[in-house]
């Protein structure tokens, strides 16, 4: 499971954005390492557990020939208050780390497999994430 070794601030602002404005990724949008990649088409916040679940789903199909690169890192703490607590009394405690994903961002890259197997592996990884995604290849 991915999480930062150390953080400067324990709790962050929620960083909500105006839903009327279209947020599109400008970084991490080109294939740099592998031959195929999983690209997000909708915005989402994915947790470190979801990233790891997708990576494991791909690893089952890879065998020893393939290689995976995870192009996102969950560095943002998310807080949560306990159940059945009254309103007020401050912000909840950090309980997991998440990563903000904008449309167009590459999440995983894969190499060392034929086209059909690579697409299948990335599709299975995309099913583990709370966003819509598409498989792209280096062309």
Protein backbone atom coordinates (compact mmCIF):
# COMPACT_ATOMS: atom_id res chain seq x y z
CA UNK A 1 0.00 0.00 0.00
CA UNK A 2 1.37 3.42 -0.96
CA UNK A 3 1.59 6.32 1.48
CA UNK A 4 4.11 9.11 2.12
CA UNK A 5 6.91 8.61 4.64
CA UNK A 6 6.32 12.01 6.16
CA UNK A 7 3.84 14.83 5.63
CA UNK A 8 4.29 18.51 6.42
CA UNK A 9 0.65 19.02 7.40
CA UNK A 10 -1.51 16.30 8.98
CA UNK A 11 -4.83 17.62 7.61
CA UNK A 12 -5.44 19.33 4.27
CA UNK A 13 -8.29 21.46 2.99
CA UNK A 14 -10.78 19.49 0.92
CA UNK A 15 -9.81 21.47 -2.24
CA UNK A 16 -13.26 21.38 -3.79
CA UNK A 17 -13.47 22.75 -7.33
CA UNK A 18 -16.29 24.40 -9.25
CA UNK A 19 -18.12 21.56 -11.06
CA UNK A 20 -19.06 23.93 -13.91
CA UNK A 21 -15.37 24.33 -14.81
CA UNK A 22 -13.89 21.40 -16.72
CA UNK A 23 -10.72 20.20 -15.01
CA UNK A 24 -8.35 18.35 -17.36
CA UNK A 25 -4.94 16.89 -16.56
CA UNK A 26 -1.87 18.60 -18.01
CA UNK A 27 0.74 16.38 -16.35
CA UNK A 28 1.18 12.64 -16.72
CA UNK A 29 -0.73 12.43 -19.99
CA UNK A 30 1.84 10.78 -22.29
CA UNK A 31 3.11 7.20 -22.24
CA UNK A 32 6.69 7.35 -20.95
CA UNK A 33 7.71 3.86 -19.84
CA UNK A 34 5.51 1.08 -21.24
CA UNK A 35 3.72 0.18 -24.44
CA UNK A 36 0.13 0.35 -23.10
CA UNK A 37 -1.47 2.52 -20.42
CA UNK A 38 -4.74 3.03 -18.54
CA UNK A 39 -6.07 6.58 -18.99
CA UNK A 40 -8.77 8.15 -16.80
CA UNK A 41 -11.73 9.69 -18.63
CA UNK A 42 -13.61 10.96 -15.54
CA UNK A 43 -12.36 12.78 -12.42
CA UNK A 44 -12.09 10.87 -9.15
CA UNK A 45 -10.22 10.53 -5.89
CA UNK A 46 -8.61 7.11 -5.61
CA UNK A 47 -7.19 5.67 -2.41
CA UNK A 48 -3.96 3.76 -1.96
CA UNK A 49 -5.97 0.53 -1.45
CA UNK A 50 -7.70 0.96 -4.82
CA UNK A 51 -4.37 1.62 -6.58
CA UNK A 52 -2.92 -1.54 -5.03
CA UNK A 53 -6.00 -3.62 -5.94
CA UNK A 54 -5.63 -2.58 -9.59
CA UNK A 55 -1.91 -3.35 -9.57
CA UNK A 56 -2.55 -6.83 -8.13
CA UNK A 57 -5.25 -7.56 -10.71
CA UNK A 58 -2.75 -6.77 -13.46
CA UNK A 59 0.06 -8.74 -11.83
CA UNK A 60 -1.98 -11.95 -12.04
CA UNK A 61 -2.03 -11.77 -15.84
CA UNK A 62 1.54 -10.53 -16.23
CA UNK A 63 3.50 -13.57 -15.18
CA UNK A 64 7.25 -12.99 -15.13
CA UNK A 65 7.53 -11.30 -18.52
CA UNK A 66 5.54 -8.11 -17.97
CA UNK A 67 6.44 -4.94 -16.13
CA UNK A 68 4.07 -2.43 -14.46
CA UNK A 69 4.56 1.25 -13.66
CA UNK A 70 2.17 3.04 -11.30
CA UNK A 71 2.06 6.67 -12.47
CA UNK A 72 0.09 8.12 -9.53
CA UNK A 73 0.94 8.50 -5.84
CA UNK A 74 -1.55 9.05 -3.00
CA UNK A 75 -0.05 11.94 -1.04
CA UNK A 76 -3.21 13.73 0.13
CA UNK A 77 -4.57 12.81 3.58
CA UNK A 78 -8.32 12.30 3.88
CA UNK A 79 -10.05 12.71 7.22
CA UNK A 80 -13.15 11.09 8.68
CA UNK A 81 -15.09 11.47 11.90
CA UNK A 82 -16.36 8.49 13.82
CA UNK A 83 -19.89 7.23 13.41
CA UNK A 84 -22.77 8.69 15.41
CA UNK A 85 -20.86 11.77 16.56
CA UNK A 86 -22.63 15.10 16.97
CA UNK A 87 -21.81 18.00 14.65
CA UNK A 88 -18.94 20.29 15.54
CA UNK A 89 -15.89 19.52 17.69
CA UNK A 90 -13.44 20.05 14.83
CA UNK A 91 -12.23 18.06 11.88
CA UNK A 92 -11.91 14.26 11.98
CA UNK A 93 -8.71 12.25 12.14
CA UNK A 94 -6.74 11.25 9.02
CA UNK A 95 -7.62 7.71 8.01
CA UNK A 96 -6.22 7.17 4.49
CA UNK A 97 -4.26 8.77 1.68
CA UNK A 98 -5.82 9.57 -1.68
CA UNK A 99 -4.79 10.87 -5.09
CA UNK A 100 -6.79 13.39 -7.13
CA UNK A 101 -7.23 12.15 -10.70
CA UNK A 102 -8.27 14.47 -13.52
CA UNK A 103 -9.49 13.27 -16.93
CA UNK A 104 -6.59 12.43 -19.24
CA UNK A 105 -4.24 11.27 -16.50
CA UNK A 106 -2.38 7.96 -16.99
CA UNK A 107 -2.71 5.69 -13.96
CA UNK A 108 -0.81 2.53 -14.94
CA UNK A 109 1.63 1.65 -17.69
CA UNK A 110 2.49 -1.87 -18.77
CA UNK A 111 5.13 -3.44 -21.03
CA UNK A 112 6.43 -6.85 -22.07
CA UNK A 113 3.09 -8.35 -23.16
CA UNK A 114 1.29 -8.84 -26.43
CA UNK A 115 -1.46 -6.36 -27.34
CA UNK A 116 -4.43 -8.56 -26.39
CA UNK A 117 -3.09 -9.59 -22.97
CA UNK A 118 -1.97 -6.05 -22.10
CA UNK A 119 -5.41 -4.63 -22.90
CA UNK A 120 -7.12 -7.34 -20.86
CA UNK A 121 -4.85 -6.73 -17.85
CA UNK A 122 -5.42 -2.97 -17.93
CA UNK A 123 -9.18 -3.45 -18.31
CA UNK A 124 -9.22 -5.63 -15.18
CA UNK A 125 -7.24 -2.99 -13.28
CA UNK A 126 -9.67 -0.28 -14.45
CA UNK A 127 -12.57 -2.29 -13.02
CA UNK A 128 -11.06 -1.89 -9.54
CA UNK A 129 -11.04 1.92 -9.72
CA UNK A 130 -13.97 4.30 -9.04
CA UNK A 131 -13.65 6.04 -12.42
CA UNK A 132 -14.19 5.41 -16.10
CA UNK A 133 -11.04 4.64 -18.02
CA UNK A 134 -9.78 3.67 -21.45
CA UNK A 135 -6.76 1.63 -22.57
CA UNK A 136 -4.32 3.53 -24.80
CA UNK A 137 -1.22 2.28 -26.60
CA UNK A 138 1.95 3.89 -27.86
CA UNK A 139 1.42 4.62 -31.54
